[in-house]
C-alpha atoms as a PDB file:
ATOM      1  CA  MET A   1      -3.931  23.757 -26.020  1.00  0.00           C
ATOM      2  CA  GLY A   2      -0.129  23.790 -24.515  1.00  0.00           C
ATOM      3  CA  GLU A   3      -1.367  22.652 -20.997  1.00  0.00           C
ATOM      4  CA  ILE A   4      -3.024  19.205 -22.678  1.00  0.00           C
ATOM      5  CA  LYS A   5      -0.171  18.290 -24.220  1.00  0.00           C
ATOM      6  CA  ILE A   6       2.017  18.710 -21.296  1.00  0.00           C
ATOM      7  CA  LEU A   7      -0.742  16.626 -18.900  1.00  0.00           C
ATOM      8  CA  ASP A   8      -0.527  14.073 -21.802  1.00  0.00           C
ATOM      9  CA  ARG A   9       3.120  13.733 -21.577  1.00  0.00           C
ATOM     10  CA  GLN A  10       2.939  13.231 -18.148  1.00  0.00           C
ATOM     11  CA  ALA A  11       0.470  10.555 -18.290  1.00  0.00           C
ATOM     12  CA  LEU A  12       2.845   9.168 -20.799  1.00  0.00           C
ATOM     13  CA  LEU A  13       5.634   9.188 -18.985  1.00  0.00           C
ATOM     14  CA  PHE A  14       3.778   8.065 -15.900  1.00  0.00           C
ATOM     15  CA  GLU A  15       2.764   4.963 -17.557  1.00  0.00           C
ATOM     16  CA  ARG A  16       6.302   4.238 -18.845  1.00  0.00           C
ATOM     17  CA  LEU A  17       7.900   4.195 -15.394  1.00  0.00           C
ATOM     18  CA  ALA A  18       5.269   3.241 -12.918  1.00  0.00           C
ATOM     19  CA  LEU A  19       3.349   0.341 -15.381  1.00  0.00           C
ATOM     20  CA  THR A  20       6.604  -1.896 -15.045  1.00  0.00           C
ATOM     21  CA  HIS A  21       6.354  -2.081 -11.680  1.00  0.00           C
ATOM     22  CA  VAL A  22       2.549  -3.667 -11.212  1.00  0.00           C
ATOM     23  CA  ASP A  23       3.846  -7.155 -11.176  1.00  0.00           C
ATOM     24  CA  SER A  24       5.963  -6.434  -7.868  1.00  0.00           C
ATOM     25  CA  ILE A  25       3.475  -3.845  -6.539  1.00  0.00           C
ATOM     26  CA  TYR A  26       0.776  -6.950  -6.503  1.00  0.00           C
ATOM     27  CA  ASN A  27       3.030  -9.526  -5.232  1.00  0.00           C
ATOM     28  CA  ALA A  28       3.823  -7.432  -2.389  1.00  0.00           C
ATOM     29  CA  ALA A  29       0.527  -5.968  -1.775  1.00  0.00           C
ATOM     30  CA  LEU A  30      -0.256  -9.909  -1.611  1.00  0.00           C
ATOM     31  CA  ARG A  31       2.355 -11.267   1.033  1.00  0.00           C
ATOM     32  CA  LEU A  32       1.195  -7.990   3.008  1.00  0.00           C
ATOM     33  CA  THR A  33      -2.602  -8.374   2.774  1.00  0.00           C
ATOM     34  CA  GLY A  34      -2.616 -12.554   2.476  1.00  0.00           C
ATOM     35  CA  SER A  35      -5.943 -11.568   0.319  1.00  0.00           C
ATOM     36  CA  VAL A  36      -6.129 -11.470  -3.378  1.00  0.00           C
ATOM     37  CA  ALA A  37      -8.868  -8.788  -2.693  1.00  0.00           C
ATOM     38  CA  ASP A  38      -7.240  -7.067  -0.378  1.00  0.00           C
ATOM     39  CA  ALA A  39      -3.969  -6.966  -2.473  1.00  0.00           C
ATOM     40  CA  GLU A  40      -5.926  -5.923  -5.870  1.00  0.00           C
ATOM     41  CA  ASP A  41      -7.106  -2.981  -3.610  1.00  0.00           C
ATOM     42  CA  LEU A  42      -3.856  -2.123  -1.965  1.00  0.00           C
ATOM     43  CA  SER A  43      -2.251  -2.223  -5.773  1.00  0.00           C
ATOM     44  CA  GLN A  44      -4.788  -0.053  -7.138  1.00  0.00           C
ATOM     45  CA  GLU A  45      -4.587   2.469  -4.369  1.00  0.00           C
ATOM     46  CA  THR A  46      -1.149   2.424  -4.650  1.00  0.00           C
ATOM     47  CA  PHE A  47      -0.763   3.413  -8.634  1.00  0.00           C
ATOM     48  CA  LEU A  48      -3.585   6.142  -7.989  1.00  0.00           C
ATOM     49  CA  ARG A  49      -2.055   7.962  -5.258  1.00  0.00           C
ATOM     50  CA  ALA A  50       1.186   8.092  -7.267  1.00  0.00           C
ATOM     51  CA  TYR A  51      -0.364   8.965 -10.418  1.00  0.00           C
ATOM     52  CA  ARG A  52      -2.278  12.255  -8.093  1.00  0.00           C
ATOM     53  CA  PHE A  53       1.065  12.964  -6.725  1.00  0.00           C
ATOM     54  CA  PHE A  54       3.620  12.253  -9.919  1.00  0.00           C
ATOM     55  CA  TYR A  55       4.572  16.005  -9.769  1.00  0.00           C
ATOM     56  CA  ARG A  56       6.297  15.149  -6.550  1.00  0.00           C
ATOM     57  CA  PHE A  57       8.257  12.494  -7.978  1.00  0.00           C
ATOM     58  CA  GLN A  58      12.179  12.988  -8.654  1.00  0.00           C
ATOM     59  CA  PRO A  59      13.157  11.988 -12.070  1.00  0.00           C
ATOM     60  CA  ASP A  60      16.540  10.503 -11.096  1.00  0.00           C
ATOM     61  CA  SER A  61      14.904   8.563  -8.019  1.00  0.00           C
ATOM     62  CA  ASN A  62      13.753   4.989  -7.929  1.00  0.00           C
ATOM     63  CA  MET A  63      10.364   4.594  -8.912  1.00  0.00           C
ATOM     64  CA  GLY A  64      10.458   0.805  -7.655  1.00  0.00           C
ATOM     65  CA  ALA A  65      11.280   2.399  -4.122  1.00  0.00           C
ATOM     66  CA  TRP A  66       8.859   5.206  -4.600  1.00  0.00           C
ATOM     67  CA  LEU A  67       5.932   2.802  -5.095  1.00  0.00           C
ATOM     68  CA  PHE A  68       6.675   0.903  -2.441  1.00  0.00           C
ATOM     69  CA  ARG A  69       6.829   3.389   0.150  1.00  0.00           C
ATOM     70  CA  ILE A  70       3.607   4.883  -1.445  1.00  0.00           C
ATOM     71  CA  MET A  71       2.235   1.199  -0.772  1.00  0.00           C
ATOM     72  CA  LYS A  72       3.740   0.253   2.640  1.00  0.00           C
ATOM     73  CA  ASN A  73       2.029   3.942   3.663  1.00  0.00           C
ATOM     74  CA  ILE A  74      -1.016   2.908   2.703  1.00  0.00           C
ATOM     75  CA  TYR A  75      -1.337   0.071   4.324  1.00  0.00           C
ATOM     76  CA  TYR A  76       0.169   0.765   7.598  1.00  0.00           C
ATOM     77  CA  ASN A  77      -2.852   3.979   7.436  1.00  0.00           C
ATOM     78  CA  ARG A  78      -5.246   1.120   7.285  1.00  0.00           C
ATOM     79  CA  PHE A  79      -4.015  -0.957   9.971  1.00  0.00           C
ATOM     80  CA  ARG A  80      -3.936   2.361  12.030  1.00  0.00           C
ATOM     81  CA  GLU A  81      -7.606   3.265  11.592  1.00  0.00           C
ATOM     82  CA  LYS A  82      -8.913  -1.186  11.710  1.00  0.00           C
ATOM     83  CA  ALA A  83      -6.673  -0.644  15.371  1.00  0.00           C
ATOM     84  CA  ARG A  84      -8.765   2.526  16.132  1.00  0.00           C
ATOM     85  CA  GLU A  85     -12.450   0.791  15.102  1.00  0.00           C
ATOM     86  CA  PRO A  86     -14.563  -0.510  17.816  1.00  0.00           C
ATOM     87  CA  LEU A  87     -14.224  -4.098  19.052  1.00  0.00           C
ATOM     88  CA  ILE A  88     -17.754  -5.777  18.833  1.00  0.00           C
ATOM     89  CA  VAL A  89     -17.964  -8.259  21.669  1.00  0.00           C
ATOM     90  CA  SER A  90     -20.469 -11.185  21.409  1.00  0.00           C
ATOM     91  CA  PRO A  91     -22.592 -12.149  24.785  1.00  0.00           C
ATOM     92  CA  GLY A  92     -20.415 -14.717  27.009  1.00  0.00           C
ATOM     93  CA  VAL A  93     -16.930 -13.600  26.532  1.00  0.00           C
ATOM     94  CA  SER A  94     -14.937 -12.580  29.154  1.00  0.00           C
ATOM     95  CA  ALA A  95     -13.309  -9.165  29.409  1.00  0.00           C
ATOM     96  CA  ASN A  96      -9.755 -10.881  30.028  1.00  0.00           C
ATOM     97  CA  ASP A  97     -10.228 -12.001  26.653  1.00  0.00           C
ATOM     98  CA  LEU A  98     -10.335  -8.320  25.093  1.00  0.00           C
ATOM     99  CA  SER A  99      -6.832  -7.403  25.632  1.00  0.00           C
ATOM    100  CA  PHE A 100      -5.845  -4.134  23.638  1.00  0.00           C
ATOM    101  CA  GLU A 101      -2.248  -5.785  23.430  1.00  0.00           C
ATOM    102  CA  ALA A 102      -3.250  -9.091  21.940  1.00  0.00           C
ATOM    103  CA  ARG A 103      -5.959  -7.246  19.834  1.00  0.00           C
ATOM    104  CA  ILE A 104      -2.651  -5.223  18.269  1.00  0.00           C
ATOM    105  CA  ARG A 105      -0.161  -8.336  18.253  1.00  0.00           C
ATOM    106  CA  GLN A 106      -2.691 -10.102  16.375  1.00  0.00           C
ATOM    107  CA  ARG A 107      -3.339  -7.361  13.587  1.00  0.00           C
ATOM    108  CA  ARG A 108       0.328  -6.279  13.204  1.00  0.00           C
ATOM    109  CA  PRO A 109       2.284  -7.073   9.747  1.00  0.00           C
ATOM    110  CA  LYS A 110       5.156  -8.964  10.077  1.00  0.00           C
ATOM    111  CA  LYS A 111       8.367  -7.064   9.386  1.00  0.00           C
ATOM    112  CA  SER A 112       9.688  -9.756   7.350  1.00  0.00           C
ATOM    113  CA  SER A 113       7.163  -9.584   5.130  1.00  0.00           C
ATOM    114  CA  LEU A 114       8.055  -6.190   4.000  1.00  0.00           C
ATOM    115  CA  VAL A 115      10.461  -6.566   1.335  1.00  0.00           C
ATOM    116  CA  PRO A 116      12.525  -3.912  -0.421  1.00  0.00           C
ATOM    117  CA  CYS A 117      11.947  -3.847  -4.195  1.00  0.00           C
ATOM    118  CA  TYR A 118      15.285  -4.569  -5.494  1.00  0.00           C
ATOM    119  CA  MET A 119      14.796  -8.107  -3.172  1.00  0.00           C
ATOM    120  CA  THR A 120      11.624  -9.103  -5.425  1.00  0.00           C
ATOM    121  CA  ARG A 121      13.220  -9.867  -8.277  1.00  0.00           C
END
């Protein structure tokens, strides 16, 4: 019975601290991904991961910054996974068009699109 109360308190504390940042996380995810569907997925994954690892959050630290770091890490991990995917080539494409650096440069997110949470308000 005592463990359930602790879990309920943790869930309420997470809700009180984290859910105030939903809009700013979504807006930053939208700027990163450029797609509404991808931004929704990234935001949802951010809050799921934050809830899962909430026991690691330091109460005296900045919740918004912690959530932005989680979101940015998820985004970059997805970027790395996509960069490792094999390129599907259609007939008629020359070998000169398959530069690895060009593909990476095209997919690389702009650093200017990563805005710290204190600048989003």
